[in-house]
Amino acid sequence: MCQYVPMAQQPHYIKAWRKYRGLTQEQLAERIGIARSYLTKIERGTRRYDQPFLEAAAEALRCGPGDIITRDPSEPEGIWSIWDTLSPHQRQQAVAVIRAIRATGTDG
């Protein structure tokens, strides 16, 4: 049985993800199965979201629940924006480069 767990009032990127996917509030609310007014309050930060909402929104926005609270999809130079464009082989290379940088132990 799933227990209702309200999430802390914290920043999120729900509106940014919705716009990134080209959806209106009405369209996203319909995909999630909630009223548009409820989505509006969550986007404005006047209403808290819960885990079931976060999971449903992530599915509707084709991203992970963690992405909604940590990643701004409109940031073109964000590391995740770049990561998303890499092939699996390029991702392996990128990880190897990052590990090499971390192994140097210097700040630059």
PDB file of N, CA and C in Angstrom:
ATOM      1  N   MET A   1       0.841  -1.156   0.000  1.00  0.00           N
ATOM      2  CA  MET A   1       0.000   0.000   0.000  1.00  0.00           C
ATOM      3  C   MET A   1       0.903   1.241   0.000  1.00  0.00           C
ATOM      4  N   CYS A   2       0.586   2.204  -0.852  1.00  0.00           N
ATOM      5  CA  CYS A   2       1.355   3.428  -0.986  1.00  0.00           C
ATOM      6  C   CYS A   2       0.884   4.455   0.031  1.00  0.00           C
ATOM      7  N   GLN A   3       1.819   4.993   0.802  1.00  0.00           N
ATOM      8  CA  GLN A   3       1.483   5.987   1.808  1.00  0.00           C
ATOM      9  C   GLN A   3       1.710   7.384   1.242  1.00  0.00           C
ATOM     10  N   TYR A   4       0.824   8.302   1.569  1.00  0.00           N
ATOM     11  CA  TYR A   4       0.951   9.689   1.140  1.00  0.00           C
ATOM     12  C   TYR A   4       2.119  10.324   1.879  1.00  0.00           C
ATOM     13  N   VAL A   5       3.084  10.838   1.130  1.00  0.00           N
ATOM     14  CA  VAL A   5       4.234  11.494   1.738  1.00  0.00           C
ATOM     15  C   VAL A   5       4.379  12.865   1.087  1.00  0.00           C
ATOM     16  N   PRO A   6       4.013  13.952   1.805  1.00  0.00           N
ATOM     17  CA  PRO A   6       4.172  15.283   1.216  1.00  0.00           C
ATOM     18  C   PRO A   6       5.649  15.621   1.087  1.00  0.00           C
ATOM     19  N   MET A   7       5.990  16.261  -0.012  1.00  0.00           N
ATOM     20  CA  MET A   7       7.368  16.649  -0.257  1.00  0.00           C
ATOM     21  C   MET A   7       7.633  17.992   0.412  1.00  0.00           C
ATOM     22  N   ALA A   8       8.874  18.220   0.738  1.00  0.00           N
ATOM     23  CA  ALA A   8       9.267  19.498   1.317  1.00  0.00           C
ATOM     24  C   ALA A   8       9.052  20.606   0.292  1.00  0.00           C
ATOM     25  N   GLN A   9       8.820  21.795   0.797  1.00  0.00           N
ATOM     26  CA  GLN A   9       8.679  22.947  -0.093  1.00  0.00           C
ATOM     27  C   GLN A   9      10.079  23.257  -0.610  1.00  0.00           C
ATOM     28  N   GLN A  10      10.383  22.828  -1.792  1.00  0.00           N
ATOM     29  CA  GLN A  10      11.703  23.046  -2.360  1.00  0.00           C
ATOM     30  C   GLN A  10      11.574  23.464  -3.808  1.00  0.00           C
ATOM     31  N   PRO A  11      12.605  24.095  -4.334  1.00  0.00           N
ATOM     32  CA  PRO A  11      12.553  24.511  -5.737  1.00  0.00           C
ATOM     33  C   PRO A  11      12.372  23.308  -6.661  1.00  0.00           C
ATOM     34  N   HIS A  12      11.762  23.551  -7.782  1.00  0.00           N
ATOM     35  CA  HIS A  12      11.586  22.499  -8.775  1.00  0.00           C
ATOM     36  C   HIS A  12      11.549  23.140 -10.160  1.00  0.00           C
ATOM     37  N   TYR A  13      11.625  22.299 -11.152  1.00  0.00           N
ATOM     38  CA  TYR A  13      11.639  22.770 -12.538  1.00  0.00           C
ATOM     39  C   TYR A  13      10.452  22.228 -13.328  1.00  0.00           C
ATOM     40  N   ILE A  14       9.322  22.074 -12.684  1.00  0.00           N
ATOM     41  CA  ILE A  14       8.138  21.531 -13.349  1.00  0.00           C
ATOM     42  C   ILE A  14       7.731  22.411 -14.526  1.00  0.00           C
ATOM     43  N   LYS A  15       7.634  23.697 -14.306  1.00  0.00           N
ATOM     44  CA  LYS A  15       7.239  24.610 -15.376  1.00  0.00           C
ATOM     45  C   LYS A  15       8.267  24.596 -16.511  1.00  0.00           C
ATOM     46  N   ALA A  16       9.547  24.592 -16.156  1.00  0.00           N
ATOM     47  CA  ALA A  16      10.598  24.570 -17.181  1.00  0.00           C
ATOM     48  C   ALA A  16      10.515  23.299 -18.017  1.00  0.00           C
ATOM     49  N   TRP A  17      10.290  22.149 -17.363  1.00  0.00           N
ATOM     50  CA  TRP A  17      10.155  20.891 -18.109  1.00  0.00           C
ATOM     51  C   TRP A  17       8.907  20.905 -18.993  1.00  0.00           C
ATOM     52  N   ARG A  18       7.819  21.458 -18.463  1.00  0.00           N
ATOM     53  CA  ARG A  18       6.581  21.521 -19.255  1.00  0.00           C
ATOM     54  C   ARG A  18       6.804  22.340 -20.515  1.00  0.00           C
ATOM     55  N   LYS A  19       7.428  23.495 -20.360  1.00  0.00           N
ATOM     56  CA  LYS A  19       7.700  24.344 -21.523  1.00  0.00           C
ATOM     57  C   LYS A  19       8.709  23.688 -22.460  1.00  0.00           C
ATOM     58  N   TYR A  20       9.706  23.018 -21.901  1.00  0.00           N
ATOM     59  CA  TYR A  20      10.723  22.316 -22.698  1.00  0.00           C
ATOM     60  C   TYR A  20      10.076  21.255 -23.588  1.00  0.00           C
ATOM     61  N   ARG A  21       9.046  20.617 -23.070  1.00  0.00           N
ATOM     62  CA  ARG A  21       8.329  19.582 -23.839  1.00  0.00           C
ATOM     63  C   ARG A  21       7.212  20.168 -24.704  1.00  0.00           C
ATOM     64  N   GLY A  22       7.026  21.487 -24.656  1.00  0.00           N
ATOM     65  CA  GLY A  22       6.034  22.152 -25.499  1.00  0.00           C
ATOM     66  C   GLY A  22       4.601  21.897 -25.081  1.00  0.00           C
ATOM     67  N   LEU A  23       4.368  21.754 -23.799  1.00  0.00           N
ATOM     68  CA  LEU A  23       3.031  21.458 -23.298  1.00  0.00           C
ATOM     69  C   LEU A  23       2.432  22.669 -22.597  1.00  0.00           C
ATOM     70  N   THR A  24       1.128  22.802 -22.702  1.00  0.00           N
ATOM     71  CA  THR A  24       0.406  23.799 -21.921  1.00  0.00           C
ATOM     72  C   THR A  24       0.125  23.197 -20.544  1.00  0.00           C
ATOM     73  N   GLN A  25      -0.284  24.047 -19.610  1.00  0.00           N
ATOM     74  CA  GLN A  25      -0.680  23.522 -18.300  1.00  0.00           C
ATOM     75  C   GLN A  25      -1.832  22.544 -18.442  1.00  0.00           C
ATOM     76  N   GLU A  26      -2.771  22.891 -19.307  1.00  0.00           N
ATOM     77  CA  GLU A  26      -3.934  22.020 -19.513  1.00  0.00           C
ATOM     78  C   GLU A  26      -3.500  20.640 -20.014  1.00  0.00           C
ATOM     79  N   GLN A  27      -2.587  20.600 -20.971  1.00  0.00           N
ATOM     80  CA  GLN A  27      -2.125  19.327 -21.523  1.00  0.00           C
ATOM     81  C   GLN A  27      -1.395  18.489 -20.475  1.00  0.00           C
ATOM     82  N   LEU A  28      -0.500  19.137 -19.716  1.00  0.00           N
ATOM     83  CA  LEU A  28       0.230  18.384 -18.702  1.00  0.00           C
ATOM     84  C   LEU A  28      -0.713  17.901 -17.605  1.00  0.00           C
ATOM     85  N   ALA A  29      -1.605  18.765 -17.160  1.00  0.00           N
ATOM     86  CA  ALA A  29      -2.560  18.370 -16.120  1.00  0.00           C
ATOM     87  C   ALA A  29      -3.387  17.169 -16.574  1.00  0.00           C
ATOM     88  N   GLU A  30      -3.803  17.184 -17.834  1.00  0.00           N
ATOM     89  CA  GLU A  30      -4.589  16.066 -18.363  1.00  0.00           C
ATOM     90  C   GLU A  30      -3.767  14.779 -18.375  1.00  0.00           C
ATOM     91  N   ARG A  31      -2.511  14.872 -18.769  1.00  0.00           N
ATOM     92  CA  ARG A  31      -1.645  13.683 -18.804  1.00  0.00           C
ATOM     93  C   ARG A  31      -1.410  13.112 -17.405  1.00  0.00           C
ATOM     94  N   ILE A  32      -1.332  14.001 -16.421  1.00  0.00           N
ATOM     95  CA  ILE A  32      -1.102  13.564 -15.045  1.00  0.00           C
ATOM     96  C   ILE A  32      -2.402  13.083 -14.401  1.00  0.00           C
ATOM     97  N   GLY A  33      -3.530  13.653 -14.854  1.00  0.00           N
ATOM     98  CA  GLY A  33      -4.825  13.293 -14.280  1.00  0.00           C
ATOM     99  C   GLY A  33      -5.217  14.185 -13.122  1.00  0.00           C
ATOM    100  N   ILE A  34      -4.837  15.469 -13.213  1.00  0.00           N
ATOM    101  CA  ILE A  34      -5.182  16.440 -12.182  1.00  0.00           C
ATOM    102  C   ILE A  34      -5.820  17.659 -12.837  1.00  0.00           C
ATOM    103  N   ALA A  35      -6.367  18.541 -12.022  1.00  0.00           N
ATOM    104  CA  ALA A  35      -6.945  19.781 -12.533  1.00  0.00           C
ATOM    105  C   ALA A  35      -5.826  20.767 -12.875  1.00  0.00           C
ATOM    106  N   ARG A  36      -6.055  21.574 -13.882  1.00  0.00           N
ATOM    107  CA  ARG A  36      -5.065  22.579 -14.276  1.00  0.00           C
ATOM    108  C   ARG A  36      -4.780  23.525 -13.123  1.00  0.00           C
ATOM    109  N   SER A  37      -5.796  23.883 -12.371  1.00  0.00           N
ATOM    110  CA  SER A  37      -5.621  24.815 -11.247  1.00  0.00           C
ATOM    111  C   SER A  37      -4.671  24.242 -10.188  1.00  0.00           C
ATOM    112  N   TYR A  38      -4.723  22.946  -9.992  1.00  0.00           N
ATOM    113  CA  TYR A  38      -3.822  22.276  -9.044  1.00  0.00           C
ATOM    114  C   TYR A  38      -2.385  22.368  -9.551  1.00  0.00           C
ATOM    115  N   LEU A  39      -2.186  22.129 -10.845  1.00  0.00           N
ATOM    116  CA  LEU A  39      -0.852  22.231 -11.446  1.00  0.00           C
ATOM    117  C   LEU A  39      -0.329  23.659 -11.343  1.00  0.00           C
ATOM    118  N   THR A  40      -1.193  24.630 -11.587  1.00  0.00           N
ATOM    119  CA  THR A  40      -0.804  26.036 -11.486  1.00  0.00           C
ATOM    120  C   THR A  40      -0.260  26.344 -10.096  1.00  0.00           C
ATOM    121  N   LYS A  41      -0.936  25.880  -9.071  1.00  0.00           N
ATOM    122  CA  LYS A  41      -0.496  26.129  -7.693  1.00  0.00           C
ATOM    123  C   LYS A  41       0.840  25.466  -7.404  1.00  0.00           C
ATOM    124  N   ILE A  42       1.044  24.280  -7.929  1.00  0.00           N
ATOM    125  CA  ILE A  42       2.325  23.601  -7.726  1.00  0.00           C
ATOM    126  C   ILE A  42       3.438  24.358  -8.445  1.00  0.00           C
ATOM    127  N   GLU A  43       3.184  24.761  -9.685  1.00  0.00           N
ATOM    128  CA  GLU A  43       4.195  25.501 -10.443  1.00  0.00           C
ATOM    129  C   GLU A  43       4.554  26.815  -9.754  1.00  0.00           C
ATOM    130  N   ARG A  44       3.581  27.479  -9.166  1.00  0.00           N
ATOM    131  CA  ARG A  44       3.823  28.760  -8.484  1.00  0.00           C
ATOM    132  C   ARG A  44       4.452  28.576  -7.104  1.00  0.00           C
ATOM    133  N   GLY A  45       4.427  27.362  -6.598  1.00  0.00           N
ATOM    134  CA  GLY A  45       4.990  27.105  -5.282  1.00  0.00           C
ATOM    135  C   GLY A  45       4.043  27.395  -4.135  1.00  0.00           C
ATOM    136  N   THR A  46       2.757  27.575  -4.443  1.00  0.00           N
ATOM    137  CA  THR A  46       1.783  27.834  -3.378  1.00  0.00           C
ATOM    138  C   THR A  46       1.149  26.539  -2.882  1.00  0.00           C
ATOM    139  N   ARG A  47       1.458  25.449  -3.533  1.00  0.00           N
ATOM    140  CA  ARG A  47       0.947  24.135  -3.133  1.00  0.00           C
ATOM    141  C   ARG A  47       2.092  23.140  -3.211  1.00  0.00           C
ATOM    142  N   ARG A  48       2.215  22.308  -2.214  1.00  0.00           N
ATOM    143  CA  ARG A  48       3.262  21.288  -2.217  1.00  0.00           C
ATOM    144  C   ARG A  48       2.866  20.125  -3.121  1.00  0.00           C
ATOM    145  N   TYR A  49       3.867  19.490  -3.653  1.00  0.00           N
ATOM    146  CA  TYR A  49       3.615  18.279  -4.426  1.00  0.00           C
ATOM    147  C   TYR A  49       3.996  17.078  -3.572  1.00  0.00           C
ATOM    148  N   ASP A  50       3.513  15.900  -3.971  1.00  0.00           N
ATOM    149  CA  ASP A  50       3.855  14.679  -3.263  1.00  0.00           C
ATOM    150  C   ASP A  50       4.540  13.712  -4.234  1.00  0.00           C
ATOM    151  N   GLN A  51       5.000  12.612  -3.713  1.00  0.00           N
ATOM    152  CA  GLN A  51       5.732  11.638  -4.524  1.00  0.00           C
ATOM    153  C   GLN A  51       4.900  11.090  -5.681  1.00  0.00           C
ATOM    154  N   PRO A  52       3.636  10.725  -5.477  1.00  0.00           N
ATOM    155  CA  PRO A  52       2.845  10.247  -6.620  1.00  0.00           C
ATOM    156  C   PRO A  52       2.728  11.301  -7.729  1.00  0.00           C
ATOM    157  N   PHE A  53       2.554  12.578  -7.341  1.00  0.00           N
ATOM    158  CA  PHE A  53       2.508  13.638  -8.351  1.00  0.00           C
ATOM    159  C   PHE A  53       3.824  13.709  -9.094  1.00  0.00           C
ATOM    160  N   LEU A  54       4.933  13.700  -8.362  1.00  0.00           N
ATOM    161  CA  LEU A  54       6.261  13.811  -8.963  1.00  0.00           C
ATOM    162  C   LEU A  54       6.498  12.681  -9.967  1.00  0.00           C
ATOM    163  N   GLU A  55       6.120  11.482  -9.613  1.00  0.00           N
ATOM    164  CA  GLU A  55       6.302  10.330 -10.501  1.00  0.00           C
ATOM    165  C   GLU A  55       5.410  10.446 -11.739  1.00  0.00           C
ATOM    166  N   ALA A  56       4.169  10.869 -11.557  1.00  0.00           N
ATOM    167  CA  ALA A  56       3.253  11.024 -12.700  1.00  0.00           C
ATOM    168  C   ALA A  56       3.722  12.147 -13.617  1.00  0.00           C
ATOM    169  N   ALA A  57       4.197  13.248 -13.032  1.00  0.00           N
ATOM    170  CA  ALA A  57       4.695  14.367 -13.839  1.00  0.00           C
ATOM    171  C   ALA A  57       5.933  13.943 -14.628  1.00  0.00           C
ATOM    172  N   ALA A  58       6.822  13.219 -13.984  1.00  0.00           N
ATOM    173  CA  ALA A  58       8.044  12.762 -14.661  1.00  0.00           C
ATOM    174  C   ALA A  58       7.701  11.861 -15.845  1.00  0.00           C
ATOM    175  N   GLU A  59       6.761  10.970 -15.656  1.00  0.00           N
ATOM    176  CA  GLU A  59       6.353  10.093 -16.756  1.00  0.00           C
ATOM    177  C   GLU A  59       5.766  10.917 -17.903  1.00  0.00           C
ATOM    178  N   ALA A  60       4.923  11.876 -17.562  1.00  0.00           N
ATOM    179  CA  ALA A  60       4.285  12.715 -18.585  1.00  0.00           C
ATOM    180  C   ALA A  60       5.303  13.603 -19.298  1.00  0.00           C
ATOM    181  N   LEU A  61       6.358  13.980 -18.586  1.00  0.00           N
ATOM    182  CA  LEU A  61       7.373  14.874 -19.156  1.00  0.00           C
ATOM    183  C   LEU A  61       8.571  14.117 -19.733  1.00  0.00           C
ATOM    184  N   ARG A  62       8.500  12.784 -19.693  1.00  0.00           N
ATOM    185  CA  ARG A  62       9.558  11.925 -20.237  1.00  0.00           C
ATOM    186  C   ARG A  62      10.936  12.245 -19.636  1.00  0.00           C
ATOM    187  N   CYS A  63      10.964  12.263 -18.298  1.00  0.00           N
ATOM    188  CA  CYS A  63      12.212  12.457 -17.575  1.00  0.00           C
ATOM    189  C   CYS A  63      12.091  11.702 -16.255  1.00  0.00           C
ATOM    190  N   GLY A  64      13.101  11.757 -15.447  1.00  0.00           N
ATOM    191  CA  GLY A  64      13.051  11.108 -14.156  1.00  0.00           C
ATOM    192  C   GLY A  64      12.527  12.047 -13.081  1.00  0.00           C
ATOM    193  N   PRO A  65      11.952  11.504 -12.003  1.00  0.00           N
ATOM    194  CA  PRO A  65      11.485  12.370 -10.913  1.00  0.00           C
ATOM    195  C   PRO A  65      12.597  13.281 -10.386  1.00  0.00           C
ATOM    196  N   GLY A  66      13.794  12.755 -10.291  1.00  0.00           N
ATOM    197  CA  GLY A  66      14.911  13.563  -9.822  1.00  0.00           C
ATOM    198  C   GLY A  66      15.240  14.715 -10.752  1.00  0.00           C
ATOM    199  N   ASP A  67      15.008  14.500 -12.049  1.00  0.00           N
ATOM    200  CA  ASP A  67      15.269  15.568 -13.017  1.00  0.00           C
ATOM    201  C   ASP A  67      14.404  16.795 -12.733  1.00  0.00           C
ATOM    202  N   ILE A  68      13.171  16.555 -12.345  1.00  0.00           N
ATOM    203  CA  ILE A  68      12.230  17.655 -12.112  1.00  0.00           C
ATOM    204  C   ILE A  68      12.698  18.558 -10.975  1.00  0.00           C
ATOM    205  N   ILE A  69      13.390  17.993  -9.999  1.00  0.00           N
ATOM    206  CA  ILE A  69      13.813  18.812  -8.869  1.00  0.00           C
ATOM    207  C   ILE A  69      15.286  19.217  -8.926  1.00  0.00           C
ATOM    208  N   THR A  70      16.038  18.715  -9.909  1.00  0.00           N
ATOM    209  CA  THR A  70      17.460  19.064  -9.942  1.00  0.00           C
ATOM    210  C   THR A  70      17.951  19.644 -11.260  1.00  0.00           C
ATOM    211  N   ARG A  71      17.241  19.415 -12.346  1.00  0.00           N
ATOM    212  CA  ARG A  71      17.741  19.805 -13.664  1.00  0.00           C
ATOM    213  C   ARG A  71      16.856  20.826 -14.347  1.00  0.00           C
ATOM    214  N   ASP A  72      17.449  21.932 -14.756  1.00  0.00           N
ATOM    215  CA  ASP A  72      16.742  22.934 -15.543  1.00  0.00           C
ATOM    216  C   ASP A  72      16.972  22.585 -17.016  1.00  0.00           C
ATOM    217  N   PRO A  73      15.938  22.089 -17.696  1.00  0.00           N
ATOM    218  CA  PRO A  73      16.130  21.657 -19.085  1.00  0.00           C
ATOM    219  C   PRO A  73      16.392  22.809 -20.049  1.00  0.00           C
ATOM    220  N   SER A  74      16.126  24.031 -19.604  1.00  0.00           N
ATOM    221  CA  SER A  74      16.329  25.183 -20.476  1.00  0.00           C
ATOM    222  C   SER A  74      17.765  25.712 -20.416  1.00  0.00           C
ATOM    223  N   GLU A  75      18.602  25.099 -19.596  1.00  0.00           N
ATOM    224  CA  GLU A  75      19.995  25.514 -19.470  1.00  0.00           C
ATOM    225  C   GLU A  75      20.826  24.745 -20.514  1.00  0.00           C
ATOM    226  N   PRO A  76      21.091  25.365 -21.675  1.00  0.00           N
ATOM    227  CA  PRO A  76      21.731  24.642 -22.777  1.00  0.00           C
ATOM    228  C   PRO A  76      23.152  24.176 -22.496  1.00  0.00           C
ATOM    229  N   GLU A  77      23.850  24.853 -21.610  1.00  0.00           N
ATOM    230  CA  GLU A  77      25.214  24.457 -21.300  1.00  0.00           C
ATOM    231  C   GLU A  77      25.325  23.648 -20.010  1.00  0.00           C
ATOM    232  N   GLY A  78      24.193  23.274 -19.441  1.00  0.00           N
ATOM    233  CA  GLY A  78      24.215  22.426 -18.254  1.00  0.00           C
ATOM    234  C   GLY A  78      24.788  21.065 -18.615  1.00  0.00           C
ATOM    235  N   ILE A  79      25.502  20.464 -17.701  1.00  0.00           N
ATOM    236  CA  ILE A  79      26.174  19.189 -17.974  1.00  0.00           C
ATOM    237  C   ILE A  79      25.188  18.123 -18.440  1.00  0.00           C
ATOM    238  N   TRP A  80      23.980  18.123 -17.876  1.00  0.00           N
ATOM    239  CA  TRP A  80      23.006  17.105 -18.283  1.00  0.00           C
ATOM    240  C   TRP A  80      22.462  17.358 -19.684  1.00  0.00           C
ATOM    241  N   SER A  81      22.380  18.622 -20.093  1.00  0.00           N
ATOM    242  CA  SER A  81      21.941  18.926 -21.452  1.00  0.00           C
ATOM    243  C   SER A  81      22.943  18.381 -22.457  1.00  0.00           C
ATOM    244  N   ILE A  82      24.217  18.503 -22.123  1.00  0.00           N
ATOM    245  CA  ILE A  82      25.259  17.957 -22.993  1.00  0.00           C
ATOM    246  C   ILE A  82      25.233  16.436 -22.950  1.00  0.00           C
ATOM    247  N   TRP A  83      25.134  15.878 -21.748  1.00  0.00           N
ATOM    248  CA  TRP A  83      25.113  14.418 -21.558  1.00  0.00           C
ATOM    249  C   TRP A  83      24.013  13.765 -22.393  1.00  0.00           C
ATOM    250  N   ASP A  84      22.841  14.377 -22.416  1.00  0.00           N
ATOM    251  CA  ASP A  84      21.701  13.816 -23.142  1.00  0.00           C
ATOM    252  C   ASP A  84      21.946  13.688 -24.638  1.00  0.00           C
ATOM    253  N   THR A  85      22.879  14.463 -25.174  1.00  0.00           N
ATOM    254  CA  THR A  85      23.139  14.435 -26.618  1.00  0.00           C
ATOM    255  C   THR A  85      24.229  13.441 -27.006  1.00  0.00           C
ATOM    256  N   LEU A  86      24.901  12.841 -26.010  1.00  0.00           N
ATOM    257  CA  LEU A  86      26.009  11.938 -26.295  1.00  0.00           C
ATOM    258  C   LEU A  86      25.546  10.522 -26.594  1.00  0.00           C
ATOM    259  N   SER A  87      26.286   9.862 -27.458  1.00  0.00           N
ATOM    260  CA  SER A  87      26.048   8.445 -27.729  1.00  0.00           C
ATOM    261  C   SER A  87      26.584   7.631 -26.549  1.00  0.00           C
ATOM    262  N   PRO A  88      26.211   6.364 -26.431  1.00  0.00           N
ATOM    263  CA  PRO A  88      26.745   5.546 -25.327  1.00  0.00           C
ATOM    264  C   PRO A  88      28.283   5.521 -25.298  1.00  0.00           C
ATOM    265  N   HIS A  89      28.907   5.445 -26.454  1.00  0.00           N
ATOM    266  CA  HIS A  89      30.376   5.434 -26.509  1.00  0.00           C
ATOM    267  C   HIS A  89      30.943   6.775 -26.037  1.00  0.00           C
ATOM    268  N   GLN A  90      30.325   7.865 -26.456  1.00  0.00           N
ATOM    269  CA  GLN A  90      30.780   9.187 -26.021  1.00  0.00           C
ATOM    270  C   GLN A  90      30.583   9.371 -24.518  1.00  0.00           C
ATOM    271  N   ARG A  91      29.551   8.788 -23.977  1.00  0.00           N
ATOM    272  CA  ARG A  91      29.322   8.878 -22.532  1.00  0.00           C
ATOM    273  C   ARG A  91      30.439   8.165 -21.774  1.00  0.00           C
ATOM    274  N   GLN A  92      30.859   7.008 -22.276  1.00  0.00           N
ATOM    275  CA  GLN A  92      31.979   6.292 -21.649  1.00  0.00           C
ATOM    276  C   GLN A  92      33.242   7.147 -21.685  1.00  0.00           C
ATOM    277  N   GLN A  93      33.475   7.795 -22.812  1.00  0.00           N
ATOM    278  CA  GLN A  93      34.640   8.659 -22.935  1.00  0.00           C
ATOM    279  C   GLN A  93      34.552   9.834 -21.962  1.00  0.00           C
ATOM    280  N   ALA A  94      33.379  10.434 -21.862  1.00  0.00           N
ATOM    281  CA  ALA A  94      33.190  11.575 -20.975  1.00  0.00           C
ATOM    282  C   ALA A  94      33.443  11.175 -19.522  1.00  0.00           C
ATOM    283  N   VAL A  95      32.960  10.034 -19.117  1.00  0.00           N
ATOM    284  CA  VAL A  95      33.175   9.554 -17.756  1.00  0.00           C
ATOM    285  C   VAL A  95      34.667   9.343 -17.511  1.00  0.00           C
ATOM    286  N   ALA A  96      35.375   8.774 -18.490  1.00  0.00           N
ATOM    287  CA  ALA A  96      36.817   8.563 -18.342  1.00  0.00           C
ATOM    288  C   ALA A  96      37.551   9.893 -18.174  1.00  0.00           C
ATOM    289  N   VAL A  97      37.162  10.910 -18.928  1.00  0.00           N
ATOM    290  CA  VAL A  97      37.788  12.228 -18.816  1.00  0.00           C
ATOM    291  C   VAL A  97      37.507  12.827 -17.437  1.00  0.00           C
ATOM    292  N   ILE A  98      36.273  12.736 -16.979  1.00  0.00           N
ATOM    293  CA  ILE A  98      35.912  13.286 -15.671  1.00  0.00           C
ATOM    294  C   ILE A  98      36.677  12.573 -14.562  1.00  0.00           C
ATOM    295  N   ARG A  99      36.802  11.272 -14.661  1.00  0.00           N
ATOM    296  CA  ARG A  99      37.572  10.527 -13.656  1.00  0.00           C
ATOM    297  C   ARG A  99      39.034  10.965 -13.656  1.00  0.00           C
ATOM    298  N   ALA A 100      39.581  11.192 -14.837  1.00  0.00           N
ATOM    299  CA  ALA A 100      40.973  11.634 -14.930  1.00  0.00           C
ATOM    300  C   ALA A 100      41.140  13.003 -14.280  1.00  0.00           C
ATOM    301  N   ILE A 101      40.189  13.901 -14.509  1.00  0.00           N
ATOM    302  CA  ILE A 101      40.246  15.238 -13.905  1.00  0.00           C
ATOM    303  C   ILE A 101      40.179  15.116 -12.382  1.00  0.00           C
ATOM    304  N   ARG A 102      39.249  14.289 -11.908  1.00  0.00           N
ATOM    305  CA  ARG A 102      39.095  14.105 -10.458  1.00  0.00           C
ATOM    306  C   ARG A 102      40.344  13.494  -9.842  1.00  0.00           C
ATOM    307  N   ALA A 103      40.995  12.598 -10.544  1.00  0.00           N
ATOM    308  CA  ALA A 103      42.183  11.919 -10.032  1.00  0.00           C
ATOM    309  C   ALA A 103      43.379  12.869  -9.876  1.00  0.00           C
ATOM    310  N   THR A 104      43.405  13.956 -10.610  1.00  0.00           N
ATOM    311  CA  THR A 104      44.527  14.888 -10.494  1.00  0.00           C
ATOM    312  C   THR A 104      44.527  15.575  -9.136  1.00  0.00           C
ATOM    313  N   GLY A 105      43.346  15.733  -8.559  1.00  0.00           N
ATOM    314  CA  GLY A 105      43.240  16.324  -7.228  1.00  0.00           C
ATOM    315  C   GLY A 105      43.566  17.807  -7.182  1.00  0.00           C
ATOM    316  N   THR A 106      43.644  18.440  -8.336  1.00  0.00           N
ATOM    317  CA  THR A 106      43.925  19.882  -8.343  1.00  0.00           C
ATOM    318  C   THR A 106      42.691  20.649  -8.749  1.00  0.00           C
ATOM    319  N   ASP A 107      42.652  21.907  -8.395  1.00  0.00           N
ATOM    320  CA  ASP A 107      41.519  22.760  -8.747  1.00  0.00           C
ATOM    321  C   ASP A 107      41.751  23.528 -10.018  1.00  0.00           C
ATOM    322  N   GLY A 108      42.805  23.346 -10.670  1.00  0.00           N
ATOM    323  CA  GLY A 108      42.944  24.007 -11.950  1.00  0.00           C
ATOM    324  C   GLY A 108      44.224  24.694 -12.079  1.00  0.00           C
TER     325      GLY A 108
END
